PDB file of N, CA and C in Angstrom:
ATOM      1  N   MET A   1       4.242  24.311  29.571  1.00  0.00           N
ATOM      2  CA  MET A   1       4.622  24.037  28.216  1.00  0.00           C
ATOM      3  C   MET A   1       4.563  22.531  27.991  1.00  0.00           C
ATOM      4  N   GLY A   2       3.975  22.112  26.849  1.00  0.00           N
ATOM      5  CA  GLY A   2       3.827  20.698  26.548  1.00  0.00           C
ATOM      6  C   GLY A   2       5.128  20.081  26.069  1.00  0.00           C
ATOM      7  N   ALA A   3       5.127  18.774  25.997  1.00  0.00           N
ATOM      8  CA  ALA A   3       6.312  18.061  25.530  1.00  0.00           C
ATOM      9  C   ALA A   3       6.496  18.289  24.036  1.00  0.00           C
ATOM     10  N   VAL A   4       7.708  18.403  23.621  1.00  0.00           N
ATOM     11  CA  VAL A   4       8.026  18.574  22.212  1.00  0.00           C
ATOM     12  C   VAL A   4       8.268  17.203  21.614  1.00  0.00           C
ATOM     13  N   SER A   5       7.582  16.899  20.509  1.00  0.00           N
ATOM     14  CA  SER A   5       7.772  15.595  19.891  1.00  0.00           C
ATOM     15  C   SER A   5       8.986  15.631  18.977  1.00  0.00           C
ATOM     16  N   ASN A   6       9.654  14.528  18.898  1.00  0.00           N
ATOM     17  CA  ASN A   6      10.840  14.399  18.066  1.00  0.00           C
ATOM     18  C   ASN A   6      10.422  13.744  16.752  1.00  0.00           C
ATOM     19  N   PRO A   7      10.618  14.421  15.604  1.00  0.00           N
ATOM     20  CA  PRO A   7      10.202  13.830  14.334  1.00  0.00           C
ATOM     21  C   PRO A   7      11.010  12.593  13.961  1.00  0.00           C
ATOM     22  N   ASP A   8      12.125  12.357  14.647  1.00  0.00           N
ATOM     23  CA  ASP A   8      12.953  11.192  14.377  1.00  0.00           C
ATOM     24  C   ASP A   8      12.625  10.014  15.294  1.00  0.00           C
ATOM     25  N   THR A   9      11.518  10.113  16.020  1.00  0.00           N
ATOM     26  CA  THR A   9      11.081   9.042  16.912  1.00  0.00           C
ATOM     27  C   THR A   9       9.650   8.666  16.569  1.00  0.00           C
ATOM     28  N   VAL A  10       9.388   7.387  16.478  1.00  0.00           N
ATOM     29  CA  VAL A  10       8.038   6.912  16.212  1.00  0.00           C
ATOM     30  C   VAL A  10       7.495   6.280  17.492  1.00  0.00           C
ATOM     31  N   VAL A  11       6.223   6.546  17.790  1.00  0.00           N
ATOM     32  CA  VAL A  11       5.566   5.955  18.958  1.00  0.00           C
ATOM     33  C   VAL A  11       4.596   4.888  18.457  1.00  0.00           C
ATOM     34  N   LEU A  12       4.683   3.722  19.042  1.00  0.00           N
ATOM     35  CA  LEU A  12       3.891   2.567  18.633  1.00  0.00           C
ATOM     36  C   LEU A  12       2.860   2.238  19.712  1.00  0.00           C
ATOM     37  N   ARG A  13       1.608   2.130  19.315  1.00  0.00           N
ATOM     38  CA  ARG A  13       0.528   1.820  20.269  1.00  0.00           C
ATOM     39  C   ARG A  13       0.373   0.311  20.419  1.00  0.00           C
ATOM     40  N   CYS A  14       0.293  -0.125  21.688  1.00  0.00           N
ATOM     41  CA  CYS A  14       0.201  -1.550  21.999  1.00  0.00           C
ATOM     42  C   CYS A  14      -0.850  -1.783  23.073  1.00  0.00           C
ATOM     43  N   TYR A  15      -1.353  -3.011  23.129  1.00  0.00           N
ATOM     44  CA  TYR A  15      -2.256  -3.388  24.215  1.00  0.00           C
ATOM     45  C   TYR A  15      -2.120  -4.874  24.490  1.00  0.00           C
ATOM     46  N   ALA A  16      -2.587  -5.265  25.663  1.00  0.00           N
ATOM     47  CA  ALA A  16      -2.617  -6.674  26.040  1.00  0.00           C
ATOM     48  C   ALA A  16      -3.926  -6.940  26.765  1.00  0.00           C
ATOM     49  N   LEU A  17      -4.473  -8.127  26.552  1.00  0.00           N
ATOM     50  CA  LEU A  17      -5.777  -8.469  27.100  1.00  0.00           C
ATOM     51  C   LEU A  17      -5.773  -9.926  27.543  1.00  0.00           C
ATOM     52  N   GLN A  18      -6.224 -10.180  28.758  1.00  0.00           N
ATOM     53  CA  GLN A  18      -6.347 -11.541  29.285  1.00  0.00           C
ATOM     54  C   GLN A  18      -7.764 -12.017  29.048  1.00  0.00           C
ATOM     55  N   ARG A  19      -7.897 -13.187  28.436  1.00  0.00           N
ATOM     56  CA  ARG A  19      -9.206 -13.799  28.219  1.00  0.00           C
ATOM     57  C   ARG A  19      -9.129 -15.246  28.669  1.00  0.00           C
ATOM     58  N   GLY A  20      -9.705 -15.519  29.819  1.00  0.00           N
ATOM     59  CA  GLY A  20      -9.647 -16.872  30.358  1.00  0.00           C
ATOM     60  C   GLY A  20      -8.218 -17.278  30.668  1.00  0.00           C
ATOM     61  N   ASP A  21      -7.799 -18.428  30.110  1.00  0.00           N
ATOM     62  CA  ASP A  21      -6.451 -18.921  30.401  1.00  0.00           C
ATOM     63  C   ASP A  21      -5.421 -18.502  29.361  1.00  0.00           C
ATOM     64  N   ARG A  22      -5.758 -17.573  28.460  1.00  0.00           N
ATOM     65  CA  ARG A  22      -4.843 -17.071  27.443  1.00  0.00           C
ATOM     66  C   ARG A  22      -4.771 -15.552  27.476  1.00  0.00           C
ATOM     67  N   ALA A  23      -3.594 -15.019  27.205  1.00  0.00           N
ATOM     68  CA  ALA A  23      -3.394 -13.572  27.114  1.00  0.00           C
ATOM     69  C   ALA A  23      -2.908 -13.251  25.706  1.00  0.00           C
ATOM     70  N   PHE A  24      -3.352 -12.128  25.193  1.00  0.00           N
ATOM     71  CA  PHE A  24      -3.055 -11.696  23.835  1.00  0.00           C
ATOM     72  C   PHE A  24      -2.468 -10.291  23.900  1.00  0.00           C
ATOM     73  N   ALA A  25      -1.361 -10.045  23.209  1.00  0.00           N
ATOM     74  CA  ALA A  25      -0.753  -8.718  23.154  1.00  0.00           C
ATOM     75  C   ALA A  25      -0.551  -8.335  21.689  1.00  0.00           C
ATOM     76  N   CYS A  26      -0.794  -7.063  21.364  1.00  0.00           N
ATOM     77  CA  CYS A  26      -0.754  -6.612  19.978  1.00  0.00           C
ATOM     78  C   CYS A  26      -0.111  -5.233  19.875  1.00  0.00           C
ATOM     79  N   CYS A  27       0.697  -5.031  18.838  1.00  0.00           N
ATOM     80  CA  CYS A  27       1.228  -3.712  18.490  1.00  0.00           C
ATOM     81  C   CYS A  27       0.492  -3.266  17.231  1.00  0.00           C
ATOM     82  N   LEU A  28      -0.361  -2.268  17.376  1.00  0.00           N
ATOM     83  CA  LEU A  28      -1.196  -1.810  16.267  1.00  0.00           C
ATOM     84  C   LEU A  28      -0.392  -1.279  15.096  1.00  0.00           C
ATOM     85  N   ASP A  29       0.680  -0.583  15.370  1.00  0.00           N
ATOM     86  CA  ASP A  29       1.406   0.113  14.320  1.00  0.00           C
ATOM     87  C   ASP A  29       2.401  -0.758  13.565  1.00  0.00           C
ATOM     88  N   LEU A  30       2.634  -1.973  14.063  1.00  0.00           N
ATOM     89  CA  LEU A  30       3.527  -2.901  13.369  1.00  0.00           C
ATOM     90  C   LEU A  30       2.826  -4.191  12.967  1.00  0.00           C
ATOM     91  N   ALA A  31       1.556  -4.328  13.313  1.00  0.00           N
ATOM     92  CA  ALA A  31       0.788  -5.544  13.025  1.00  0.00           C
ATOM     93  C   ALA A  31       1.499  -6.779  13.588  1.00  0.00           C
ATOM     94  N   LEU A  32       1.994  -6.651  14.818  1.00  0.00           N
ATOM     95  CA  LEU A  32       2.633  -7.766  15.511  1.00  0.00           C
ATOM     96  C   LEU A  32       1.747  -8.193  16.668  1.00  0.00           C
ATOM     97  N   ALA A  33       1.680  -9.491  16.922  1.00  0.00           N
ATOM     98  CA  ALA A  33       0.864  -9.990  18.027  1.00  0.00           C
ATOM     99  C   ALA A  33       1.528 -11.214  18.632  1.00  0.00           C
ATOM    100  N   ASP A  34       1.285 -11.416  19.907  1.00  0.00           N
ATOM    101  CA  ASP A  34       1.785 -12.586  20.616  1.00  0.00           C
ATOM    102  C   ASP A  34       0.738 -13.077  21.593  1.00  0.00           C
ATOM    103  N   GLU A  35       0.842 -14.348  21.932  1.00  0.00           N
ATOM    104  CA  GLU A  35      -0.093 -14.977  22.845  1.00  0.00           C
ATOM    105  C   GLU A  35       0.688 -15.782  23.868  1.00  0.00           C
ATOM    106  N   ALA A  36       0.178 -15.826  25.107  1.00  0.00           N
ATOM    107  CA  ALA A  36       0.826 -16.584  26.181  1.00  0.00           C
ATOM    108  C   ALA A  36      -0.227 -16.933  27.227  1.00  0.00           C
ATOM    109  N   GLU A  37       0.203 -17.611  28.279  1.00  0.00           N
ATOM    110  CA  GLU A  37      -0.726 -17.986  29.339  1.00  0.00           C
ATOM    111  C   GLU A  37      -1.059 -16.823  30.257  1.00  0.00           C
ATOM    112  N   THR A  38      -0.112 -15.901  30.456  1.00  0.00           N
ATOM    113  CA  THR A  38      -0.350 -14.776  31.359  1.00  0.00           C
ATOM    114  C   THR A  38      -0.165 -13.451  30.616  1.00  0.00           C
ATOM    115  N   LEU A  39      -0.728 -12.404  31.187  1.00  0.00           N
ATOM    116  CA  LEU A  39      -0.601 -11.075  30.614  1.00  0.00           C
ATOM    117  C   LEU A  39       0.866 -10.642  30.569  1.00  0.00           C
ATOM    118  N   ASP A  40       1.596 -10.854  31.660  1.00  0.00           N
ATOM    119  CA  ASP A  40       3.015 -10.482  31.705  1.00  0.00           C
ATOM    120  C   ASP A  40       3.819 -11.201  30.630  1.00  0.00           C
ATOM    121  N   ALA A  41       3.559 -12.482  30.443  1.00  0.00           N
ATOM    122  CA  ALA A  41       4.296 -13.258  29.439  1.00  0.00           C
ATOM    123  C   ALA A  41       3.960 -12.790  28.023  1.00  0.00           C
ATOM    124  N   ALA A  42       2.702 -12.473  27.770  1.00  0.00           N
ATOM    125  CA  ALA A  42       2.314 -11.983  26.440  1.00  0.00           C
ATOM    126  C   ALA A  42       2.966 -10.638  26.148  1.00  0.00           C
ATOM    127  N   VAL A  43       2.992  -9.746  27.139  1.00  0.00           N
ATOM    128  CA  VAL A  43       3.632  -8.433  26.966  1.00  0.00           C
ATOM    129  C   VAL A  43       5.127  -8.613  26.715  1.00  0.00           C
ATOM    130  N   LYS A  44       5.774  -9.484  27.476  1.00  0.00           N
ATOM    131  CA  LYS A  44       7.214  -9.718  27.303  1.00  0.00           C
ATOM    132  C   LYS A  44       7.512 -10.264  25.911  1.00  0.00           C
ATOM    133  N   LYS A  45       6.709 -11.229  25.450  1.00  0.00           N
ATOM    134  CA  LYS A  45       6.906 -11.790  24.112  1.00  0.00           C
ATOM    135  C   LYS A  45       6.725 -10.722  23.043  1.00  0.00           C
ATOM    136  N   LEU A  46       5.723  -9.866  23.211  1.00  0.00           N
ATOM    137  CA  LEU A  46       5.491  -8.802  22.229  1.00  0.00           C
ATOM    138  C   LEU A  46       6.660  -7.814  22.232  1.00  0.00           C
ATOM    139  N   GLN A  47       7.151  -7.458  23.405  1.00  0.00           N
ATOM    140  CA  GLN A  47       8.304  -6.550  23.482  1.00  0.00           C
ATOM    141  C   GLN A  47       9.510  -7.146  22.757  1.00  0.00           C
ATOM    142  N   GLU A  48       9.752  -8.432  22.935  1.00  0.00           N
ATOM    143  CA  GLU A  48      10.861  -9.098  22.245  1.00  0.00           C
ATOM    144  C   GLU A  48      10.625  -9.105  20.732  1.00  0.00           C
ATOM    145  N   ASN A  49       9.392  -9.338  20.318  1.00  0.00           N
ATOM    146  CA  ASN A  49       9.026  -9.345  18.909  1.00  0.00           C
ATOM    147  C   ASN A  49       9.224  -7.955  18.294  1.00  0.00           C
ATOM    148  N   ILE A  50       8.783  -6.918  19.000  1.00  0.00           N
ATOM    149  CA  ILE A  50       8.951  -5.537  18.527  1.00  0.00           C
ATOM    150  C   ILE A  50      10.437  -5.203  18.421  1.00  0.00           C
ATOM    151  N   THR A  51      11.214  -5.559  19.444  1.00  0.00           N
ATOM    152  CA  THR A  51      12.646  -5.282  19.441  1.00  0.00           C
ATOM    153  C   THR A  51      13.321  -5.957  18.246  1.00  0.00           C
ATOM    154  N   GLY A  52      13.001  -7.207  18.000  1.00  0.00           N
ATOM    155  CA  GLY A  52      13.575  -7.919  16.857  1.00  0.00           C
ATOM    156  C   GLY A  52      13.202  -7.281  15.530  1.00  0.00           C
ATOM    157  N   TYR A  53      11.955  -6.894  15.387  1.00  0.00           N
ATOM    158  CA  TYR A  53      11.477  -6.240  14.168  1.00  0.00           C
ATOM    159  C   TYR A  53      12.229  -4.931  13.939  1.00  0.00           C
ATOM    160  N   LEU A  54      12.354  -4.118  15.000  1.00  0.00           N
ATOM    161  CA  LEU A  54      13.019  -2.820  14.872  1.00  0.00           C
ATOM    162  C   LEU A  54      14.520  -2.986  14.615  1.00  0.00           C
ATOM    163  N   GLU A  55      15.155  -3.958  15.277  1.00  0.00           N
ATOM    164  CA  GLU A  55      16.582  -4.189  15.052  1.00  0.00           C
ATOM    165  C   GLU A  55      16.845  -4.624  13.614  1.00  0.00           C
ATOM    166  N   LEU A  56      15.980  -5.459  13.058  1.00  0.00           N
ATOM    167  CA  LEU A  56      16.114  -5.888  11.670  1.00  0.00           C
ATOM    168  C   LEU A  56      16.029  -4.687  10.729  1.00  0.00           C
ATOM    169  N   HIS A  57      15.050  -3.821  10.977  1.00  0.00           N
ATOM    170  CA  HIS A  57      14.898  -2.640  10.132  1.00  0.00           C
ATOM    171  C   HIS A  57      16.072  -1.668  10.292  1.00  0.00           C
ATOM    172  N   ALA A  58      16.608  -1.569  11.488  1.00  0.00           N
ATOM    173  CA  ALA A  58      17.771  -0.703  11.710  1.00  0.00           C
ATOM    174  C   ALA A  58      18.975  -1.230  10.936  1.00  0.00           C
ATOM    175  N   ARG A  59      19.192  -2.552  10.962  1.00  0.00           N
ATOM    176  CA  ARG A  59      20.318  -3.147  10.223  1.00  0.00           C
ATOM    177  C   ARG A  59      20.176  -2.922   8.720  1.00  0.00           C
ATOM    178  N   ARG A  60      18.939  -2.878   8.249  1.00  0.00           N
ATOM    179  CA  ARG A  60      18.693  -2.652   6.821  1.00  0.00           C
ATOM    180  C   ARG A  60      18.739  -1.171   6.453  1.00  0.00           C
ATOM    181  N   GLY A  61      18.907  -0.319   7.462  1.00  0.00           N
ATOM    182  CA  GLY A  61      18.993   1.115   7.204  1.00  0.00           C
ATOM    183  C   GLY A  61      17.650   1.781   6.955  1.00  0.00           C
ATOM    184  N   ALA A  62      16.582   1.166   7.425  1.00  0.00           N
ATOM    185  CA  ALA A  62      15.243   1.727   7.230  1.00  0.00           C
ATOM    186  C   ALA A  62      15.083   3.008   8.033  1.00  0.00           C
ATOM    187  N   SER A  63      14.363   3.957   7.472  1.00  0.00           N
ATOM    188  CA  SER A  63      14.093   5.195   8.204  1.00  0.00           C
ATOM    189  C   SER A  63      13.020   4.939   9.256  1.00  0.00           C
ATOM    190  N   VAL A  64      13.001   5.780  10.266  1.00  0.00           N
ATOM    191  CA  VAL A  64      12.028   5.638  11.352  1.00  0.00           C
ATOM    192  C   VAL A  64      10.604   5.677  10.795  1.00  0.00           C
ATOM    193  N   GLY A  65      10.358   6.546   9.852  1.00  0.00           N
ATOM    194  CA  GLY A  65       9.010   6.696   9.302  1.00  0.00           C
ATOM    195  C   GLY A  65       8.553   5.566   8.412  1.00  0.00           C
ATOM    196  N   SER A  66       9.464   4.675   8.006  1.00  0.00           N
ATOM    197  CA  SER A  66       9.094   3.619   7.063  1.00  0.00           C
ATOM    198  C   SER A  66       8.764   2.280   7.712  1.00  0.00           C
ATOM    199  N   ILE A  67       8.752   2.210   9.030  1.00  0.00           N
ATOM    200  CA  ILE A  67       8.592   0.909   9.690  1.00  0.00           C
ATOM    201  C   ILE A  67       7.148   0.502   9.913  1.00  0.00           C
ATOM    202  N   ARG A  68       6.227   1.431   9.826  1.00  0.00           N
ATOM    203  CA  ARG A  68       4.826   1.126  10.155  1.00  0.00           C
ATOM    204  C   ARG A  68       4.182   0.187   9.137  1.00  0.00           C
ATOM    205  N   ARG A  69       3.400  -0.747   9.670  1.00  0.00           N
ATOM    206  CA  ARG A  69       2.509  -1.580   8.871  1.00  0.00           C
ATOM    207  C   ARG A  69       1.290  -1.848   9.749  1.00  0.00           C
ATOM    208  N   PRO A  70       0.261  -1.024   9.597  1.00  0.00           N
ATOM    209  CA  PRO A  70      -0.888  -1.051  10.513  1.00  0.00           C
ATOM    210  C   PRO A  70      -1.617  -2.391  10.556  1.00  0.00           C
ATOM    211  N   ALA A  71      -2.119  -2.704  11.737  1.00  0.00           N
ATOM    212  CA  ALA A  71      -2.906  -3.915  11.960  1.00  0.00           C
ATOM    213  C   ALA A  71      -4.300  -3.743  11.356  1.00  0.00           C
ATOM    214  N   PRO A  72      -5.023  -4.847  11.159  1.00  0.00           N
ATOM    215  CA  PRO A  72      -6.416  -4.757  10.694  1.00  0.00           C
ATOM    216  C   PRO A  72      -7.277  -3.954  11.677  1.00  0.00           C
ATOM    217  N   LEU A  73      -8.333  -3.346  11.175  1.00  0.00           N
ATOM    218  CA  LEU A  73      -9.183  -2.459  11.975  1.00  0.00           C
ATOM    219  C   LEU A  73      -9.753  -3.119  13.219  1.00  0.00           C
ATOM    220  N   ARG A  74     -10.041  -4.415  13.176  1.00  0.00           N
ATOM    221  CA  ARG A  74     -10.647  -5.072  14.349  1.00  0.00           C
ATOM    222  C   ARG A  74      -9.743  -4.972  15.575  1.00  0.00           C
ATOM    223  N   TYR A  75      -8.417  -4.911  15.370  1.00  0.00           N
ATOM    224  CA  TYR A  75      -7.494  -4.788  16.492  1.00  0.00           C
ATOM    225  C   TYR A  75      -7.551  -3.393  17.121  1.00  0.00           C
ATOM    226  N   TYR A  76      -7.870  -2.386  16.316  1.00  0.00           N
ATOM    227  CA  TYR A  76      -8.032  -1.031  16.855  1.00  0.00           C
ATOM    228  C   TYR A  76      -9.237  -0.974  17.782  1.00  0.00           C
ATOM    229  N   ALA A  77     -10.302  -1.684  17.457  1.00  0.00           N
ATOM    230  CA  ALA A  77     -11.484  -1.736  18.322  1.00  0.00           C
ATOM    231  C   ALA A  77     -11.116  -2.330  19.679  1.00  0.00           C
ATOM    232  N   ARG A  78     -10.322  -3.400  19.675  1.00  0.00           N
ATOM    233  CA  ARG A  78      -9.883  -4.005  20.946  1.00  0.00           C
ATOM    234  C   ARG A  78      -8.993  -3.048  21.729  1.00  0.00           C
ATOM    235  N   TYR A  79      -8.124  -2.312  21.030  1.00  0.00           N
ATOM    236  CA  TYR A  79      -7.252  -1.335  21.679  1.00  0.00           C
ATOM    237  C   TYR A  79      -8.077  -0.290  22.426  1.00  0.00           C
ATOM    238  N   TYR A  80      -9.068   0.277  21.757  1.00  0.00           N
ATOM    239  CA  TYR A  80      -9.891   1.297  22.407  1.00  0.00           C
ATOM    240  C   TYR A  80     -10.767   0.697  23.502  1.00  0.00           C
ATOM    241  N   GLN A  81     -11.174  -0.550  23.344  1.00  0.00           N
ATOM    242  CA  GLN A  81     -11.913  -1.238  24.404  1.00  0.00           C
ATOM    243  C   GLN A  81     -11.018  -1.397  25.639  1.00  0.00           C
ATOM    244  N   CYS A  82      -9.762  -1.773  25.439  1.00  0.00           N
ATOM    245  CA  CYS A  82      -8.814  -1.883  26.555  1.00  0.00           C
ATOM    246  C   CYS A  82      -8.604  -0.534  27.221  1.00  0.00           C
ATOM    247  N   MET A  83      -8.492   0.523  26.420  1.00  0.00           N
ATOM    248  CA  MET A  83      -8.302   1.853  26.995  1.00  0.00           C
ATOM    249  C   MET A  83      -9.473   2.216  27.898  1.00  0.00           C
ATOM    250  N   LEU A  84     -10.691   1.895  27.476  1.00  0.00           N
ATOM    251  CA  LEU A  84     -11.873   2.188  28.298  1.00  0.00           C
ATOM    252  C   LEU A  84     -11.853   1.373  29.581  1.00  0.00           C
ATOM    253  N   HIS A  85     -11.467   0.106  29.494  1.00  0.00           N
ATOM    254  CA  HIS A  85     -11.373  -0.729  30.703  1.00  0.00           C
ATOM    255  C   HIS A  85     -10.338  -0.165  31.667  1.00  0.00           C
ATOM    256  N   VAL A  86      -9.168   0.188  31.141  1.00  0.00           N
ATOM    257  CA  VAL A  86      -8.103   0.733  31.980  1.00  0.00           C
ATOM    258  C   VAL A  86      -8.559   2.038  32.627  1.00  0.00           C
ATOM    259  N   LEU A  87      -9.133   2.944  31.839  1.00  0.00           N
ATOM    260  CA  LEU A  87      -9.601   4.214  32.369  1.00  0.00           C
ATOM    261  C   LEU A  87     -10.669   4.002  33.431  1.00  0.00           C
ATOM    262  N   GLY A  88     -11.606   3.113  33.183  1.00  0.00           N
ATOM    263  CA  GLY A  88     -12.663   2.838  34.156  1.00  0.00           C
ATOM    264  C   GLY A  88     -12.105   2.327  35.471  1.00  0.00           C
ATOM    265  N   ASP A  89     -11.134   1.426  35.416  1.00  0.00           N
ATOM    266  CA  ASP A  89     -10.547   0.897  36.649  1.00  0.00           C
ATOM    267  C   ASP A  89      -9.700   1.942  37.359  1.00  0.00           C
ATOM    268  N   VAL A  90      -9.005   2.776  36.603  1.00  0.00           N
ATOM    269  CA  VAL A  90      -8.219   3.846  37.231  1.00  0.00           C
ATOM    270  C   VAL A  90      -9.151   4.813  37.951  1.00  0.00           C
ATOM    271  N   LEU A  91     -10.253   5.160  37.320  1.00  0.00           N
ATOM    272  CA  LEU A  91     -11.202   6.087  37.938  1.00  0.00           C
ATOM    273  C   LEU A  91     -11.831   5.500  39.194  1.00  0.00           C
ATOM    274  N   ARG A  92     -11.945   4.186  39.245  1.00  0.00           N
ATOM    275  CA  ARG A  92     -12.514   3.519  40.427  1.00  0.00           C
ATOM    276  C   ARG A  92     -11.433   3.053  41.393  1.00  0.00           C
ATOM    277  N   TYR A  93     -10.168   3.390  41.118  1.00  0.00           N
ATOM    278  CA  TYR A  93      -9.020   3.032  41.966  1.00  0.00           C
ATOM    279  C   TYR A  93      -8.852   1.523  42.114  1.00  0.00           C
ATOM    280  N   HIS A  94      -9.069   0.792  41.058  1.00  0.00           N
ATOM    281  CA  HIS A  94      -8.870  -0.656  41.075  1.00  0.00           C
ATOM    282  C   HIS A  94      -7.586  -0.986  40.340  1.00  0.00           C
ATOM    283  N   PHE A  95      -6.946  -2.048  40.746  1.00  0.00           N
ATOM    284  CA  PHE A  95      -5.787  -2.539  40.008  1.00  0.00           C
ATOM    285  C   PHE A  95      -6.311  -3.395  38.860  1.00  0.00           C
ATOM    286  N   LEU A  96      -5.915  -3.059  37.671  1.00  0.00           N
ATOM    287  CA  LEU A  96      -6.397  -3.773  36.494  1.00  0.00           C
ATOM    288  C   LEU A  96      -5.430  -4.891  36.129  1.00  0.00           C
ATOM    289  N   ALA A  97      -5.889  -6.114  36.224  1.00  0.00           N
ATOM    290  CA  ALA A  97      -5.023  -7.247  35.950  1.00  0.00           C
ATOM    291  C   ALA A  97      -5.348  -7.926  34.621  1.00  0.00           C
ATOM    292  N   HIS A  98      -6.436  -7.531  33.953  1.00  0.00           N
ATOM    293  CA  HIS A  98      -6.834  -8.258  32.750  1.00  0.00           C
ATOM    294  C   HIS A  98      -6.627  -7.474  31.451  1.00  0.00           C
ATOM    295  N   ALA A  99      -6.172  -6.230  31.505  1.00  0.00           N
ATOM    296  CA  ALA A  99      -5.909  -5.455  30.287  1.00  0.00           C
ATOM    297  C   ALA A  99      -4.845  -4.400  30.556  1.00  0.00           C
ATOM    298  N   ARG A 100      -4.055  -4.123  29.533  1.00  0.00           N
ATOM    299  CA  ARG A 100      -3.029  -3.069  29.624  1.00  0.00           C
ATOM    300  C   ARG A 100      -2.942  -2.350  28.290  1.00  0.00           C
ATOM    301  N   VAL A 101      -2.653  -1.076  28.364  1.00  0.00           N
ATOM    302  CA  VAL A 101      -2.355  -0.273  27.184  1.00  0.00           C
ATOM    303  C   VAL A 101      -0.964   0.305  27.414  1.00  0.00           C
ATOM    304  N   PHE A 102      -0.083   0.156  26.440  1.00  0.00           N
ATOM    305  CA  PHE A 102       1.279   0.659  26.612  1.00  0.00           C
ATOM    306  C   PHE A 102       1.825   1.117  25.268  1.00  0.00           C
ATOM    307  N   THR A 103       2.987   1.747  25.304  1.00  0.00           N
ATOM    308  CA  THR A 103       3.607   2.237  24.075  1.00  0.00           C
ATOM    309  C   THR A 103       5.042   1.764  23.969  1.00  0.00           C
ATOM    310  N   ALA A 104       5.513   1.772  22.752  1.00  0.00           N
ATOM    311  CA  ALA A 104       6.923   1.565  22.466  1.00  0.00           C
ATOM    312  C   ALA A 104       7.342   2.754  21.613  1.00  0.00           C
ATOM    313  N   SER A 105       8.521   3.263  21.832  1.00  0.00           N
ATOM    314  CA  SER A 105       9.023   4.327  20.965  1.00  0.00           C
ATOM    315  C   SER A 105      10.363   3.884  20.397  1.00  0.00           C
ATOM    316  N   TRP A 106      10.677   4.384  19.208  1.00  0.00           N
ATOM    317  CA  TRP A 106      11.906   3.985  18.538  1.00  0.00           C
ATOM    318  C   TRP A 106      12.498   5.182  17.836  1.00  0.00           C
ATOM    319  N   ASP A 107      13.773   5.421  18.074  1.00  0.00           N
ATOM    320  CA  ASP A 107      14.471   6.549  17.465  1.00  0.00           C
ATOM    321  C   ASP A 107      15.409   6.097  16.351  1.00  0.00           C
ATOM    322  N   GLY A 108      15.244   4.876  15.902  1.00  0.00           N
ATOM    323  CA  GLY A 108      16.118   4.325  14.880  1.00  0.00           C
ATOM    324  C   GLY A 108      17.250   3.497  15.453  1.00  0.00           C
ATOM    325  N   HIS A 109      17.388   3.519  16.785  1.00  0.00           N
ATOM    326  CA  HIS A 109      18.478   2.787  17.438  1.00  0.00           C
ATOM    327  C   HIS A 109      17.982   1.865  18.545  1.00  0.00           C
ATOM    328  N   THR A 110      17.230   2.421  19.495  1.00  0.00           N
ATOM    329  CA  THR A 110      16.854   1.670  20.691  1.00  0.00           C
ATOM    330  C   THR A 110      15.357   1.766  20.940  1.00  0.00           C
ATOM    331  N   PRO A 111      14.653   0.621  21.038  1.00  0.00           N
ATOM    332  CA  PRO A 111      13.238   0.692  21.419  1.00  0.00           C
ATOM    333  C   PRO A 111      13.104   0.945  22.924  1.00  0.00           C
ATOM    334  N   ARG A 112      12.120   1.748  23.284  1.00  0.00           N
ATOM    335  CA  ARG A 112      11.824   2.035  24.686  1.00  0.00           C
ATOM    336  C   ARG A 112      10.350   1.731  24.918  1.00  0.00           C
ATOM    337  N   PHE A 113      10.056   1.071  26.043  1.00  0.00           N
ATOM    338  CA  PHE A 113       8.686   0.696  26.364  1.00  0.00           C
ATOM    339  C   PHE A 113       8.207   1.470  27.571  1.00  0.00           C
ATOM    340  N   ALA A 114       6.961   1.919  27.522  1.00  0.00           N
ATOM    341  CA  ALA A 114       6.380   2.684  28.637  1.00  0.00           C
ATOM    342  C   ALA A 114       4.971   2.168  28.910  1.00  0.00           C
ATOM    343  N   GLY A 115       4.636   2.142  30.179  1.00  0.00           N
ATOM    344  CA  GLY A 115       3.286   1.738  30.563  1.00  0.00           C
ATOM    345  C   GLY A 115       3.096   0.247  30.727  1.00  0.00           C
ATOM    346  N   THR A 116       4.188  -0.525  30.672  1.00  0.00           N
ATOM    347  CA  THR A 116       4.056  -1.964  30.837  1.00  0.00           C
ATOM    348  C   THR A 116       4.147  -2.249  32.281  1.00  0.00           C
TER     349      THR A 116
END
């Protein structure tokens, strides 16, 4: 039996990509992005940014379904490119250090991050 989705929880798609000496992390469903020197630092900054955004909306009494503000389409292309890189490295049993795909979920109270 598959997992049952909770209509009171929103799942947010995120990715991070290392390019040279800079790392970029983006949340597609909130149009939030952060940049840092390392992949870990960019992911951490994005998680803090997402948490702050969600906490602000919770204080304002926003519903879970009203928080989305999608990123421009070009960011979706990078997201799917990262997914292909991650999948390719997983299939070849390599540790992927230059790209990550992860999610954040929010039930109106607490953000949870998975895959970081």
